[in-house]
Structures are given as structure tokens and as C-alpha cells.
């Protein structure tokens, strides 16, 4: 998780803090924000928790498009390559995510086969993955990323050794899911039991009879009423406040509704997010759907297009400020705007509007259901964009990751 050995964490936490801090340091909310920034300075998302299939359809992504996206765990970037865009600029403040993305690119380039790529990023308990890293990936990594993966912990283990076990049980998200399983077992329920369901009806029965009652437990309702309880999902205090508006006033009700969608709205054979949440692993090839970058049929296309990706350790607004006018066709903001003040939102959309080509598309997700832009971003900016209301609702419903309240699509109007 966090690299607590000095200057690297200070710098990483400082950059994340610029995006998160909205209150005085010694206030209750300010302390919470600074705790989040410290935790977020390490690995948060071993996999991205947004559905790239929905992204690509909403973007109408095709050959020749120029994309700017937030990097996160990088599964989205590699999925986008299946559509052969001209260029992907992936930006992130989190140095751990940058190291992960740069390693993924070199793994695609240099691991000998698709089977090796799947074993490295798709299979659990593959004890020789760190050896594959040493032989095929490490010689091609930049020094900073290599230092990240080869740093040793207090046990003397190198960080890369997590790929010999189960990488997806690490990071804040992995620890959060593990905690969810422990809570379930505390109340006599094994969440992995849903994996025995053979259809959506059986999935719903398991949720209603086993999982749903847990959210009525006083202990869980008390625990989730604390903002720090959701730091493992990468949800900062400001986003917690937005998320809680989606329920009956309790975070337990919001989490119950989001878990219900994950458990019940999609067949398990089609939803690798549910596999990670409940089975704690990806399916084997042929067992169920996999992330696009791990599917055999996409391997040659992704590998052929891998040099079209550039990874940037940078602030998104500053990065866009350095781009030429009209030079970006697609923007992927994930849920980053939930963190932002009104001033930052206006700065961001000033740069998006300037750099957007005619017909450019912006997609993002929000913790609450409505788009957060009206009333916060200047009308002089928003009037240059068309909000695809009906399409946004449809894509929200189809997002297999299931944890967001809203998916939103904006299209640049002709001048």
C-alpha cells in the first residue's frame, strides 16, 4: 500500500492533497481529507472499477480518435486499444497507478504470449510471475517504476511478489473488499456463496436472503456512517457527502442498493466485476467474461496498438493546458469531478472546451445520480455542450461495475 519511507509519499500525498483539500487542516473535515490523501498516495485500484465496454460504446470510440483519460488501474486504457484510436494520453496524480500502468504497457510489449499476459494479470497464485517480471518486463521499465515494484517491505519481499499470489487482493480496494467479506462472515454469511448461482433468479435470491439483511445491522450502519469507512473505495470526504444523497440518508442504504445492482442486474458469466467482488478473482478463460485486455481475441490488436499510449504523472487540468486547441476527441474523467471545488470544475471545463474537437465526447461518473455540472460550471461553458440525458441513463443502467449513481455523456456542439 502506501510507501511510508519518506519523500516519495510526501510528494505523492501533496499532489493528491491539492485535489482533495477543501477545509482547514485542524478541522474535523480537514483531518479526514488529509487522512484520505495519505492513504490515496499508495496503490488504490489494482483494477479499474468502471466498465470499459460501456465507455467505448458511449464514446463511439473508433480508429483515429485522440483520447485523454485518467489512468487509474489501466484496464480501461488497454480496452480502448481494441478500437485502434490514434492516441491515448493517460493522466494520474497517483504514482502507484503510474507505475502499474507503465508496467502493464511493458508486459503487453514484452511477455512472450497472450497466455503469459493472462497468467500475470488474470490468474491468482502463479508463483513464477515475479520471475517473468525480472526476465521480460523489468529491463524495459523506467527507473522510477522499477524502483516502485522492486522495493522491499519489512518482510524483505519485493512489491512485485504480490503478482505471485493475488494482486487484486491488494491496494485499498482489495483490502476494502476483503473487509466486506469479513463483515459478512461475522454475521454468518459468506459472500462467495453467490458464485454457486446458476442464473439471475438465484443471484437475487442469495442477495435478498443472505446479503441484504446485513445492511440492517446496527454495527454496519454505525461503521458506514463514518466517512473513513469508504476510503478503501477511493471515496474522499466530499464524494461521501454526494454519495449519501442517493439513499434514505444512511450510507448503509446506498451501499445496499449498489451491491444489489452488482449482485442481481447482470448474469455472473457476463460480469467480471462481480467475480472480483464475490469470488476474489477473475474467471478462467472460457469460464466467464474477462476484461477486454485479457481476452484472447483482443491480444493481437492491443499489442499492435500499444505504442499509441502515453502515461503522464500529472494534474489533468495542467496537462490539458499544454494541449493544442481542438486536439482531443474523447475525454474520460472517471469520477474525479466529485472531488473538485467549483473553481476547479470551471478550470477543468475551460480546458476541455478549448481542447475539444467538434463533436468531441466527454464521459464521467458520479457518486450521486444527477450530473454535478449544472449550477456549478459556467453556463458560457456548458452551453457549448449537449448533455445526452436519455443515453446517460441507459449507460448508467448497463454499467456492470454498479457502484456509481450516474454515468454522464456530453457532446461538443458545432460552433
Protein backbone atom coordinates (compact mmCIF):
# COMPACT_ATOMS: atom_id res chain seq x y z
CA UNK A 1 0.00 0.00 0.00
CA UNK A 2 1.48 3.37 0.95
CA UNK A 3 5.22 3.74 0.67
CA UNK A 4 5.84 5.26 4.09
CA UNK A 5 9.55 5.80 3.65
CA UNK A 6 9.83 9.49 3.25
CA UNK A 7 9.96 11.82 0.33
CA UNK A 8 8.03 9.76 -2.22
CA UNK A 9 4.95 9.61 0.00
CA UNK A 10 5.26 13.28 0.88
CA UNK A 11 5.29 14.29 -2.77
CA UNK A 12 2.54 11.88 -3.77
CA UNK A 13 0.31 12.84 -0.86
CA UNK A 14 0.94 16.52 -1.53
CA UNK A 15 -0.22 16.20 -5.14
CA UNK A 16 -3.33 14.22 -4.19
CA UNK A 17 -3.97 16.68 -1.39
CA UNK A 18 -4.18 19.57 -3.82
CA UNK A 19 -7.16 17.80 -5.40
CA UNK A 20 -8.82 16.81 -2.12
CA UNK A 21 -8.28 19.53 0.49
CA UNK A 22 -11.28 21.80 0.91
CA UNK A 23 -11.15 22.50 4.68
CA UNK A 24 -8.74 23.79 7.29
CA UNK A 25 -6.11 21.26 8.37
CA UNK A 26 -7.19 21.05 12.02
CA UNK A 27 -10.93 20.94 11.38
CA UNK A 28 -12.76 17.60 11.56
CA UNK A 29 -13.30 17.54 7.80
CA UNK A 30 -9.77 18.76 7.16
CA UNK A 31 -8.26 15.91 9.19
CA UNK A 32 -10.42 13.44 7.28
CA UNK A 33 -9.28 14.88 3.96
CA UNK A 34 -5.62 14.62 4.94
CA UNK A 35 -6.00 11.03 6.09
CA UNK A 36 -7.58 10.20 2.73
CA UNK A 37 -4.77 11.94 0.83
CA UNK A 38 -2.18 9.92 2.75
CA UNK A 39 -3.94 6.61 2.03
CA UNK A 40 -4.55 7.55 -1.60
CA UNK A 41 -0.84 8.17 -2.13
CA UNK A 42 -0.33 4.39 -2.38
CA UNK A 43 -1.97 1.80 -4.59
CA UNK A 44 -5.75 2.20 -4.53
CA UNK A 45 -7.15 0.40 -7.58
CA UNK A 46 -5.45 -2.85 -8.65
CA UNK A 47 -8.13 -2.89 -11.34
CA UNK A 48 -10.25 -0.03 -12.61
CA UNK A 49 -13.81 -0.10 -11.30
CA UNK A 50 -15.51 1.45 -14.33
CA UNK A 51 -16.90 -0.61 -17.19
CA UNK A 52 -14.77 -0.03 -20.33
CA UNK A 53 -17.37 -1.69 -22.58
CA UNK A 54 -19.89 1.00 -21.63
CA UNK A 55 -17.20 3.66 -22.03
CA UNK A 56 -16.35 2.60 -25.57
CA UNK A 57 -19.97 2.48 -26.67
CA UNK A 58 -20.78 5.86 -25.13
CA UNK A 59 -17.72 7.42 -26.74
CA UNK A 60 -18.49 5.79 -30.09
CA UNK A 61 -14.80 5.08 -29.98
CA UNK A 62 -13.15 4.33 -33.29
CA UNK A 63 -9.98 4.43 -35.32
CA UNK A 64 -8.20 7.76 -35.34
CA UNK A 65 -9.67 9.20 -32.16
CA UNK A 66 -7.42 11.05 -29.73
CA UNK A 67 -8.25 10.28 -26.09
CA UNK A 68 -7.33 11.88 -22.78
CA UNK A 69 -8.26 9.70 -19.82
CA UNK A 70 -7.48 9.33 -16.15
CA UNK A 71 -5.33 6.22 -15.85
CA UNK A 72 -6.44 4.56 -12.58
CA UNK A 73 -5.74 0.81 -12.79
CA UNK A 74 -5.22 0.90 -16.54
CA UNK A 75 -7.70 -1.80 -17.63
CA UNK A 76 -9.66 0.91 -19.46
CA UNK A 77 -6.66 2.12 -21.45
CA UNK A 78 -5.84 -1.33 -22.79
CA UNK A 79 -9.51 -1.98 -23.56
CA UNK A 80 -9.70 1.24 -25.61
CA UNK A 81 -6.85 -0.03 -27.79
CA UNK A 82 -9.19 -2.68 -29.20
CA UNK A 83 -10.84 0.17 -31.16
CA UNK A 84 -7.50 1.37 -32.61
CA UNK A 85 -7.59 5.04 -31.53
CA UNK A 86 -4.79 7.26 -32.82
CA UNK A 87 -3.50 8.16 -29.35
CA UNK A 88 -4.31 7.72 -25.67
CA UNK A 89 -2.88 10.13 -23.10
CA UNK A 90 -3.44 8.61 -19.65
CA UNK A 91 -3.01 11.01 -16.72
CA UNK A 92 -2.93 10.32 -12.99
CA UNK A 93 -1.77 12.03 -9.81
CA UNK A 94 -1.13 8.71 -8.05
CA UNK A 95 2.44 7.48 -8.54
CA UNK A 96 1.48 3.89 -7.74
CA UNK A 97 -1.10 3.90 -10.53
CA UNK A 98 1.51 5.37 -12.88
CA UNK A 99 3.91 2.54 -12.02
CA UNK A 100 1.15 -0.03 -12.58
CA UNK A 101 0.18 1.43 -15.95
CA UNK A 102 3.76 1.62 -17.17
CA UNK A 103 4.34 -1.97 -16.14
CA UNK A 104 1.17 -3.09 -17.96
CA UNK A 105 2.37 -1.47 -21.16
CA UNK A 106 5.75 -3.21 -20.96
CA UNK A 107 4.06 -6.51 -20.10
CA UNK A 108 1.95 -6.31 -23.25
CA UNK A 109 5.03 -5.44 -25.29
CA UNK A 110 7.44 -8.00 -23.90
CA UNK A 111 5.75 -11.01 -22.28
CA UNK A 112 6.11 -13.81 -24.83
CA UNK A 113 2.43 -14.72 -25.33
CA UNK A 114 -1.17 -13.96 -24.51
CA UNK A 115 -1.13 -16.87 -22.07
CA UNK A 116 1.75 -15.24 -20.20
CA UNK A 117 -0.14 -11.95 -20.08
CA UNK A 118 -3.21 -13.69 -18.66
CA UNK A 119 -1.17 -15.56 -16.06
CA UNK A 120 0.42 -12.30 -14.95
CA UNK A 121 -2.71 -10.11 -14.69
CA UNK A 122 -5.58 -12.59 -14.74
CA UNK A 123 -4.66 -15.64 -12.72
CA UNK A 124 -4.16 -15.93 -8.96
CA UNK A 125 -1.42 -17.95 -7.25
CA UNK A 126 1.02 -18.07 -10.16
CA UNK A 127 4.28 -18.30 -8.26
CA UNK A 128 6.60 -17.53 -11.18
CA UNK A 129 5.07 -14.17 -12.19
CA UNK A 130 7.79 -12.24 -10.39
CA UNK A 131 10.37 -14.25 -12.35
CA UNK A 132 8.58 -13.30 -15.58
CA UNK A 133 8.76 -9.69 -14.42
CA UNK A 134 12.52 -9.93 -13.87
CA UNK A 135 13.17 -11.57 -17.24
CA UNK A 136 10.76 -9.86 -19.60
CA UNK A 137 9.40 -6.62 -18.05
CA UNK A 138 11.93 -5.07 -15.67
CA UNK A 139 14.69 -4.46 -18.26
CA UNK A 140 12.28 -2.21 -20.20
CA UNK A 141 10.78 -0.24 -17.29
CA UNK A 142 11.69 3.32 -16.45
CA UNK A 143 13.81 3.66 -13.27
CA UNK A 144 11.03 5.16 -11.12
CA UNK A 145 8.52 2.43 -11.91
CA UNK A 146 11.15 -0.25 -11.48
CA UNK A 147 12.05 1.15 -8.07
CA UNK A 148 8.38 1.03 -7.09
CA UNK A 149 7.92 -2.65 -7.99
CA UNK A 150 11.26 -3.82 -6.63
CA UNK A 151 11.11 -2.04 -3.29
CA UNK A 152 11.12 -4.46 -0.35
CA UNK A 153 8.73 -4.41 2.59
CA UNK A 154 9.56 -5.12 6.22
CA UNK A 155 9.42 -8.86 5.48
CA UNK A 156 12.02 -8.50 2.76
CA UNK A 157 9.52 -9.21 -0.01
CA UNK A 158 9.65 -7.15 -3.17
CA UNK A 159 6.42 -5.38 -4.07
CA UNK A 160 6.24 -7.26 -7.39
CA UNK A 161 5.82 -10.51 -5.46
CA UNK A 162 2.11 -9.72 -4.98
CA UNK A 163 1.65 -11.00 -8.54
CA UNK A 164 2.83 -14.42 -7.33
CA UNK A 165 -0.23 -14.51 -5.09
CA UNK A 166 -3.31 -12.41 -5.90
CA UNK A 167 -2.62 -8.82 -6.90
CA UNK A 168 -6.34 -7.95 -6.77
CA UNK A 169 -6.46 -8.55 -3.04
CA UNK A 170 -4.02 -5.68 -2.52
CA UNK A 171 -4.40 -1.91 -2.62
CA UNK A 172 -7.10 -0.01 -0.80
CA UNK A 173 -9.83 -1.51 -2.98
CA UNK A 174 -8.63 -5.06 -2.41
CA UNK A 175 -8.48 -4.50 1.33
CA UNK A 176 -11.95 -2.93 1.30
CA UNK A 177 -13.43 -5.96 -0.47
CA UNK A 178 -11.64 -8.28 1.96
CA UNK A 179 -13.14 -6.33 4.85
CA UNK A 180 -16.58 -6.72 3.29
CA UNK A 181 -16.10 -10.49 3.24
CA UNK A 182 -15.00 -10.46 6.88
CA UNK A 183 -18.05 -8.45 7.88
CA UNK A 184 -20.30 -10.87 6.03
CA UNK A 185 -18.73 -13.85 7.78
CA UNK A 186 -19.04 -12.04 11.12
CA UNK A 187 -22.79 -12.15 10.56
CA UNK A 188 -22.72 -15.75 9.32
CA UNK A 189 -22.73 -15.09 5.57
CA UNK A 190 -20.05 -15.99 3.04
CA UNK A 191 -20.45 -13.54 0.14
CA UNK A 192 -18.68 -16.01 -2.15
CA UNK A 193 -21.74 -18.24 -1.86
CA UNK A 194 -23.42 -16.26 -4.62
CA UNK A 195 -20.99 -17.79 -7.10
CA UNK A 196 -23.00 -21.04 -6.90
CA UNK A 197 -25.98 -19.27 -8.50
CA UNK A 198 -26.77 -20.54 -11.99
CA UNK A 199 -28.99 -17.67 -13.11
CA UNK A 200 -30.08 -14.17 -12.15
CA UNK A 201 -33.04 -15.50 -10.19
CA UNK A 202 -30.72 -17.48 -7.92
CA UNK A 203 -28.40 -14.48 -7.63
CA UNK A 204 -31.31 -12.33 -6.45
CA UNK A 205 -32.47 -14.96 -4.00
CA UNK A 206 -29.00 -15.11 -2.45
CA UNK A 207 -28.85 -11.33 -2.20
CA UNK A 208 -32.31 -10.99 -0.64
CA UNK A 209 -31.88 -13.83 1.84
CA UNK A 210 -28.20 -13.57 2.73
CA UNK A 211 -26.65 -10.22 1.87
CA UNK A 212 -29.45 -7.67 2.21
CA UNK A 213 -30.15 -8.31 5.93
CA UNK A 214 -26.54 -7.43 6.81
CA UNK A 215 -27.19 -3.79 5.91
CA UNK A 216 -29.80 -3.54 8.66
CA UNK A 217 -27.30 -4.49 11.36
CA UNK A 218 -26.64 -1.65 13.79
CA UNK A 219 -22.89 -2.23 13.77
CA UNK A 220 -22.66 -1.91 10.00
CA UNK A 221 -24.90 1.14 9.90
CA UNK A 222 -22.75 2.80 12.55
CA UNK A 223 -19.47 1.91 10.82
CA UNK A 224 -20.56 3.13 7.39
CA UNK A 225 -21.77 6.42 8.86
CA UNK A 226 -18.06 7.31 9.23
CA UNK A 227 -16.53 8.89 6.15
CA UNK A 228 -13.28 6.98 6.62
CA UNK A 229 -15.17 3.71 6.15
CA UNK A 230 -15.28 4.26 2.38
CA UNK A 231 -11.70 5.40 1.87
CA UNK A 232 -10.99 1.87 0.63
CA UNK A 233 -13.28 2.53 -2.33
CA UNK A 234 -11.24 5.64 -3.15
CA UNK A 235 -14.10 7.85 -1.98
CA UNK A 236 -12.88 11.11 -0.39
CA UNK A 237 -14.97 13.04 2.16
CA UNK A 238 -16.55 15.38 -0.42
CA UNK A 239 -17.65 12.42 -2.54
CA UNK A 240 -19.07 10.68 0.54
CA UNK A 241 -21.35 13.68 1.07
CA UNK A 242 -22.52 13.43 -2.54
CA UNK A 243 -23.00 9.68 -2.39
CA UNK A 244 -25.19 9.73 0.70
CA UNK A 245 -27.79 11.87 -1.09
CA UNK A 246 -28.67 8.84 -3.22
CA UNK A 247 -30.29 6.91 -0.37
CA UNK A 248 -32.54 7.42 2.61
CA UNK A 249 -29.94 9.45 4.47
CA UNK A 250 -27.83 6.47 5.55
CA UNK A 251 -24.75 5.19 3.80
CA UNK A 252 -25.81 1.62 4.55
CA UNK A 253 -28.87 2.04 2.31
CA UNK A 254 -26.73 3.43 -0.53
CA UNK A 255 -24.23 0.57 -0.31
CA UNK A 256 -27.04 -1.97 -0.18
CA UNK A 257 -28.57 -0.57 -3.39
CA UNK A 258 -25.23 -0.54 -5.20
CA UNK A 259 -24.38 -4.09 -4.09
CA UNK A 260 -27.84 -5.22 -5.18
CA UNK A 261 -27.14 -3.98 -8.70
CA UNK A 262 -23.76 -5.72 -8.76
CA UNK A 263 -25.24 -8.97 -7.46
CA UNK A 264 -28.54 -9.06 -9.32
CA UNK A 265 -28.62 -7.00 -12.51
CA UNK A 266 -26.15 -8.96 -14.65
CA UNK A 267 -25.51 -12.69 -15.08
CA UNK A 268 -22.32 -13.70 -13.31
CA UNK A 269 -20.99 -15.15 -16.56
CA UNK A 270 -21.02 -11.64 -18.05
CA UNK A 271 -19.67 -9.62 -15.13
CA UNK A 272 -16.03 -9.89 -14.10
CA UNK A 273 -16.59 -7.06 -11.57
CA UNK A 274 -18.88 -9.41 -9.63
CA UNK A 275 -16.24 -12.13 -9.83
CA UNK A 276 -13.70 -9.83 -8.21
CA UNK A 277 -16.17 -8.67 -5.57
CA UNK A 278 -17.52 -12.10 -4.60
CA UNK A 279 -15.04 -14.75 -5.81
CA UNK A 280 -11.98 -12.50 -5.27
CA UNK A 281 -10.54 -13.48 -8.64
CA UNK A 282 -11.12 -13.29 -12.37
CA UNK A 283 -12.71 -16.27 -14.13
CA UNK A 284 -10.53 -18.64 -16.09
CA UNK A 285 -10.67 -18.33 -19.89
CA UNK A 286 -13.93 -19.88 -21.05
CA UNK A 287 -15.43 -19.80 -17.54
CA UNK A 288 -16.96 -16.32 -17.89
CA UNK A 289 -16.26 -12.92 -19.43
CA UNK A 290 -12.87 -11.33 -18.79
CA UNK A 291 -11.64 -7.74 -19.03
CA UNK A 292 -11.17 -6.92 -22.71
CA UNK A 293 -7.39 -6.75 -22.46
CA UNK A 294 -7.23 -10.31 -21.12
CA UNK A 295 -9.43 -11.85 -23.80
CA UNK A 296 -7.51 -13.93 -26.33
CA UNK A 297 -9.38 -12.41 -29.28
CA UNK A 298 -8.11 -8.89 -28.48
CA UNK A 299 -4.46 -9.69 -27.86
CA UNK A 300 -3.02 -9.05 -31.33
CA UNK A 301 -4.88 -5.76 -31.75
CA UNK A 302 -3.84 -4.44 -28.34
CA UNK A 303 -0.23 -5.42 -28.84
CA UNK A 304 -0.16 -3.83 -32.29
CA UNK A 305 -1.53 -0.58 -30.85
CA UNK A 306 0.39 -0.45 -27.56
CA UNK A 307 2.76 2.30 -28.72
CA UNK A 308 -0.20 4.66 -29.09
CA UNK A 309 -0.41 5.07 -25.28
CA UNK A 310 1.50 7.65 -23.24
CA UNK A 311 1.36 7.68 -19.42
CA UNK A 312 1.66 11.03 -17.64
CA UNK A 313 2.20 11.64 -13.93
CA UNK A 314 0.42 14.98 -13.93
CA UNK A 315 -2.54 17.09 -12.89
CA UNK A 316 -5.27 16.72 -15.52
CA UNK A 317 -6.06 20.44 -15.78
CA UNK A 318 -2.40 21.37 -16.20
CA UNK A 319 -1.93 18.58 -18.71
CA UNK A 320 -4.82 19.81 -20.84
CA UNK A 321 -3.49 23.36 -20.62
CA UNK A 322 -0.46 22.16 -22.54
CA UNK A 323 -2.52 20.64 -25.37
CA UNK A 324 -3.35 22.43 -28.61
CA UNK A 325 -6.86 23.75 -29.23
CA UNK A 326 -9.16 21.19 -30.84
CA UNK A 327 -6.65 18.37 -30.36
CA UNK A 328 -8.74 15.91 -28.27
CA UNK A 329 -11.72 13.86 -29.47
CA UNK A 330 -12.64 11.89 -26.34
CA UNK A 331 -12.29 12.68 -22.62
CA UNK A 332 -12.69 10.08 -19.84
CA UNK A 333 -12.90 11.72 -16.40
CA UNK A 334 -13.95 8.70 -14.31
CA UNK A 335 -15.37 10.14 -11.05
CA UNK A 336 -12.65 12.75 -10.49
CA UNK A 337 -15.03 15.70 -10.65
CA UNK A 338 -16.77 14.55 -7.47
CA UNK A 339 -13.62 15.66 -5.68
CA UNK A 340 -13.50 19.13 -7.16
CA UNK A 341 -14.46 22.58 -5.96
CA UNK A 342 -16.46 24.85 -8.28
CA UNK A 343 -13.31 26.74 -9.21
CA UNK A 344 -11.54 23.54 -10.23
CA UNK A 345 -14.56 22.34 -12.21
CA UNK A 346 -14.61 25.59 -14.17
CA UNK A 347 -10.85 25.42 -14.76
CA UNK A 348 -11.23 21.84 -15.99
CA UNK A 349 -14.12 22.57 -18.35
CA UNK A 350 -12.38 25.66 -19.69
CA UNK A 351 -9.53 23.43 -20.82
CA UNK A 352 -11.80 20.63 -22.00
CA UNK A 353 -13.83 23.07 -24.11
CA UNK A 354 -10.69 24.67 -25.55
CA UNK A 355 -9.00 21.39 -26.46
CA UNK A 356 -12.13 19.57 -27.67
CA UNK A 357 -12.64 18.94 -31.37
CA UNK A 358 -16.09 19.46 -32.91
CA UNK A 359 -18.27 16.53 -31.86
CA UNK A 360 -15.91 15.58 -29.03
CA UNK A 361 -17.39 13.42 -26.29
CA UNK A 362 -16.83 13.61 -22.54
CA UNK A 363 -17.85 10.76 -20.25
CA UNK A 364 -17.73 10.61 -16.47
CA UNK A 365 -19.37 9.01 -13.48
CA UNK A 366 -20.77 10.49 -10.27
CA UNK A 367 -21.49 9.07 -6.84
CA UNK A 368 -24.97 10.62 -6.86
CA UNK A 369 -27.35 10.16 -9.79
CA UNK A 370 -27.54 13.65 -11.37
CA UNK A 371 -24.79 15.34 -13.32
CA UNK A 372 -22.91 17.69 -10.99
CA UNK A 373 -22.16 20.30 -13.66
CA UNK A 374 -25.39 22.39 -13.92
CA UNK A 375 -25.28 25.29 -11.49
CA UNK A 376 -21.58 24.76 -10.78
CA UNK A 377 -19.90 25.15 -14.18
CA UNK A 378 -20.39 28.43 -16.02
CA UNK A 379 -23.29 28.41 -18.48
CA UNK A 380 -20.99 30.01 -21.06
CA UNK A 381 -19.01 26.77 -21.00
CA UNK A 382 -21.86 24.27 -20.65
CA UNK A 383 -23.84 25.93 -23.45
CA UNK A 384 -21.13 24.69 -25.81
CA UNK A 385 -22.02 21.11 -24.89
CA UNK A 386 -25.11 18.93 -25.26
CA UNK A 387 -26.00 16.63 -22.39
CA UNK A 388 -27.22 13.26 -23.65
CA UNK A 389 -29.80 12.70 -20.93
CA UNK A 390 -31.55 9.55 -22.15
CA UNK A 391 -28.32 7.88 -23.30
CA UNK A 392 -26.69 8.71 -19.96
CA UNK A 393 -29.49 6.94 -18.06
CA UNK A 394 -29.19 3.91 -20.35
CA UNK A 395 -25.44 3.67 -19.92
CA UNK A 396 -25.82 4.06 -16.14
CA UNK A 397 -28.12 1.04 -16.07
CA UNK A 398 -25.71 -1.03 -18.15
CA UNK A 399 -22.53 -0.23 -16.21
CA UNK A 400 -21.55 -3.62 -14.76
CA UNK A 401 -19.30 -2.09 -12.10
CA UNK A 402 -22.53 -0.98 -10.41
CA UNK A 403 -21.08 1.30 -7.75
CA UNK A 404 -21.86 4.70 -9.28
CA UNK A 405 -25.09 6.65 -9.13
CA UNK A 406 -24.77 8.14 -12.60
CA UNK A 407 -22.96 7.81 -15.92
CA UNK A 408 -22.89 11.03 -17.94
CA UNK A 409 -22.22 11.85 -21.59
CA UNK A 410 -21.65 15.33 -23.02
CA UNK A 411 -21.12 16.04 -26.74
CA UNK A 412 -19.44 19.18 -28.11
CA UNK A 413 -21.75 21.29 -30.21
CA UNK A 414 -20.74 22.63 -33.60
CA UNK A 415 -19.59 26.24 -33.46
